[in-house]
Amino acid sequence: MPEAQQKIQTHVRRDQKTSNWQQRYAIRAGCEATASETVHAHGLRHCRYRGLAKTHVQHVLTAAGTNQRLCQRLTA
């Protein structure tokens, strides 16, 4: 790896070990997990219906189902 890229990579890896970076990344990790769940558990990547209105209804219901599962996990 070129020296300039190596310096950047070393700096970034050092920053990743700080608690401030880990707290900020935890927020993103939660968002990424929710997005991944909607794709894998609820099939949001492919729409079952044609038309914008029906597609919107599917997205709203999928989001509601995802939120319900999240609430169940938090209260359990």
C-alpha atoms as a PDB file:
ATOM      1  CA  MET A   1       0.000   0.000   0.000  1.00  0.00           C
ATOM      2  CA  PRO A   2       1.352   3.485  -0.790  1.00  0.00           C
ATOM      3  CA  GLU A   3       2.682   5.443   2.181  1.00  0.00           C
ATOM      4  CA  ALA A   4      -0.074   8.089   2.098  1.00  0.00           C
ATOM      5  CA  GLN A   5      -2.820   5.450   2.186  1.00  0.00           C
ATOM      6  CA  GLN A   6      -1.012   3.564   4.940  1.00  0.00           C
ATOM      7  CA  LYS A   7      -0.924   6.699   7.106  1.00  0.00           C
ATOM      8  CA  ILE A   8      -4.641   7.284   6.584  1.00  0.00           C
ATOM      9  CA  GLN A   9      -5.467   3.672   7.374  1.00  0.00           C
ATOM     10  CA  THR A  10      -3.339   3.736  10.538  1.00  0.00           C
ATOM     11  CA  HIS A  11      -5.013   6.959  11.676  1.00  0.00           C
ATOM     12  CA  VAL A  12      -8.529   5.606  11.045  1.00  0.00           C
ATOM     13  CA  ARG A  13      -7.808   2.334  12.852  1.00  0.00           C
ATOM     14  CA  ARG A  14      -6.453   4.281  15.829  1.00  0.00           C
ATOM     15  CA  ASP A  15      -9.627   6.403  15.910  1.00  0.00           C
ATOM     16  CA  GLN A  16     -11.812   3.294  15.805  1.00  0.00           C
ATOM     17  CA  LYS A  17     -10.441   2.217  19.178  1.00  0.00           C
ATOM     18  CA  THR A  18     -11.696   5.358  20.948  1.00  0.00           C
ATOM     19  CA  SER A  19     -14.916   5.252  22.942  1.00  0.00           C
ATOM     20  CA  ASN A  20     -16.285   8.335  21.161  1.00  0.00           C
ATOM     21  CA  TRP A  21     -16.011   6.602  17.757  1.00  0.00           C
ATOM     22  CA  GLN A  22     -17.542   3.396  19.105  1.00  0.00           C
ATOM     23  CA  GLN A  23     -20.536   5.262  20.555  1.00  0.00           C
ATOM     24  CA  ARG A  24     -21.163   7.024  17.242  1.00  0.00           C
ATOM     25  CA  TYR A  25     -20.802   3.773  15.303  1.00  0.00           C
ATOM     26  CA  ALA A  26     -23.234   1.958  17.622  1.00  0.00           C
ATOM     27  CA  ILE A  27     -26.013   4.225  16.347  1.00  0.00           C
ATOM     28  CA  ARG A  28     -25.182   3.365  12.752  1.00  0.00           C
ATOM     29  CA  ALA A  29     -24.904  -0.336  13.562  1.00  0.00           C
ATOM     30  CA  GLY A  30     -28.451  -0.281  14.963  1.00  0.00           C
ATOM     31  CA  CYS A  31     -29.785   1.388  11.823  1.00  0.00           C
ATOM     32  CA  GLU A  32     -27.951  -1.054   9.578  1.00  0.00           C
ATOM     33  CA  ALA A  33     -29.329  -4.002  11.550  1.00  0.00           C
ATOM     34  CA  THR A  34     -32.885  -2.721  11.147  1.00  0.00           C
ATOM     35  CA  ALA A  35     -32.425  -2.239   7.406  1.00  0.00           C
ATOM     36  CA  SER A  36     -30.928  -5.704   7.102  1.00  0.00           C
ATOM     37  CA  GLU A  37     -33.858  -7.212   9.010  1.00  0.00           C
ATOM     38  CA  THR A  38     -36.407  -5.616   6.678  1.00  0.00           C
ATOM     39  CA  VAL A  39     -34.572  -7.037   3.675  1.00  0.00           C
ATOM     40  CA  HIS A  40     -33.902 -10.541   4.986  1.00  0.00           C
ATOM     41  CA  ALA A  41     -36.828 -11.255   7.313  1.00  0.00           C
ATOM     42  CA  HIS A  42     -39.547  -9.316   5.524  1.00  0.00           C
ATOM     43  CA  GLY A  43     -38.419  -9.380   1.895  1.00  0.00           C
ATOM     44  CA  LEU A  44     -38.483  -5.629   1.400  1.00  0.00           C
ATOM     45  CA  ARG A  45     -35.955  -5.734  -1.436  1.00  0.00           C
ATOM     46  CA  HIS A  46     -38.629  -7.042  -3.823  1.00  0.00           C
ATOM     47  CA  CYS A  47     -42.110  -5.592  -3.932  1.00  0.00           C
ATOM     48  CA  ARG A  48     -45.014  -7.977  -4.293  1.00  0.00           C
ATOM     49  CA  TYR A  49     -47.316  -5.458  -5.927  1.00  0.00           C
ATOM     50  CA  ARG A  50     -47.426  -3.134  -8.918  1.00  0.00           C
ATOM     51  CA  GLY A  51     -48.237   0.521  -8.567  1.00  0.00           C
ATOM     52  CA  LEU A  52     -46.986   3.193  -6.256  1.00  0.00           C
ATOM     53  CA  ALA A  53     -49.953   3.116  -3.879  1.00  0.00           C
ATOM     54  CA  LYS A  54     -49.745  -0.637  -3.228  1.00  0.00           C
ATOM     55  CA  THR A  55     -45.971  -0.452  -2.929  1.00  0.00           C
ATOM     56  CA  HIS A  56     -46.326   2.287  -0.331  1.00  0.00           C
ATOM     57  CA  VAL A  57     -48.795   0.177   1.659  1.00  0.00           C
ATOM     58  CA  GLN A  58     -46.347  -2.744   1.631  1.00  0.00           C
ATOM     59  CA  HIS A  59     -43.532  -0.516   2.893  1.00  0.00           C
ATOM     60  CA  VAL A  60     -45.687   0.958   5.671  1.00  0.00           C
ATOM     61  CA  LEU A  61     -46.874  -2.470   6.824  1.00  0.00           C
ATOM     62  CA  THR A  62     -43.336  -3.860   6.701  1.00  0.00           C
ATOM     63  CA  ALA A  63     -42.083  -0.938   8.798  1.00  0.00           C
ATOM     64  CA  ALA A  64     -44.909  -1.484  11.277  1.00  0.00           C
ATOM     65  CA  GLY A  65     -44.055  -5.178  11.545  1.00  0.00           C
ATOM     66  CA  THR A  66     -40.382  -4.379  12.043  1.00  0.00           C
ATOM     67  CA  ASN A  67     -41.225  -1.863  14.784  1.00  0.00           C
ATOM     68  CA  GLN A  68     -43.522  -4.366  16.481  1.00  0.00           C
ATOM     69  CA  ARG A  69     -40.771  -7.003  16.577  1.00  0.00           C
ATOM     70  CA  LEU A  70     -38.344  -4.413  17.923  1.00  0.00           C
ATOM     71  CA  CYS A  71     -40.785  -3.445  20.686  1.00  0.00           C
ATOM     72  CA  GLN A  72     -41.261  -7.110  21.597  1.00  0.00           C
ATOM     73  CA  ARG A  73     -37.496  -7.585  21.874  1.00  0.00           C
ATOM     74  CA  LEU A  74     -37.106  -4.488  24.024  1.00  0.00           C
ATOM     75  CA  THR A  75     -39.885  -5.437  26.439  1.00  0.00           C
ATOM     76  CA  ALA A  76     -38.897  -9.106  26.746  1.00  0.00           C
END
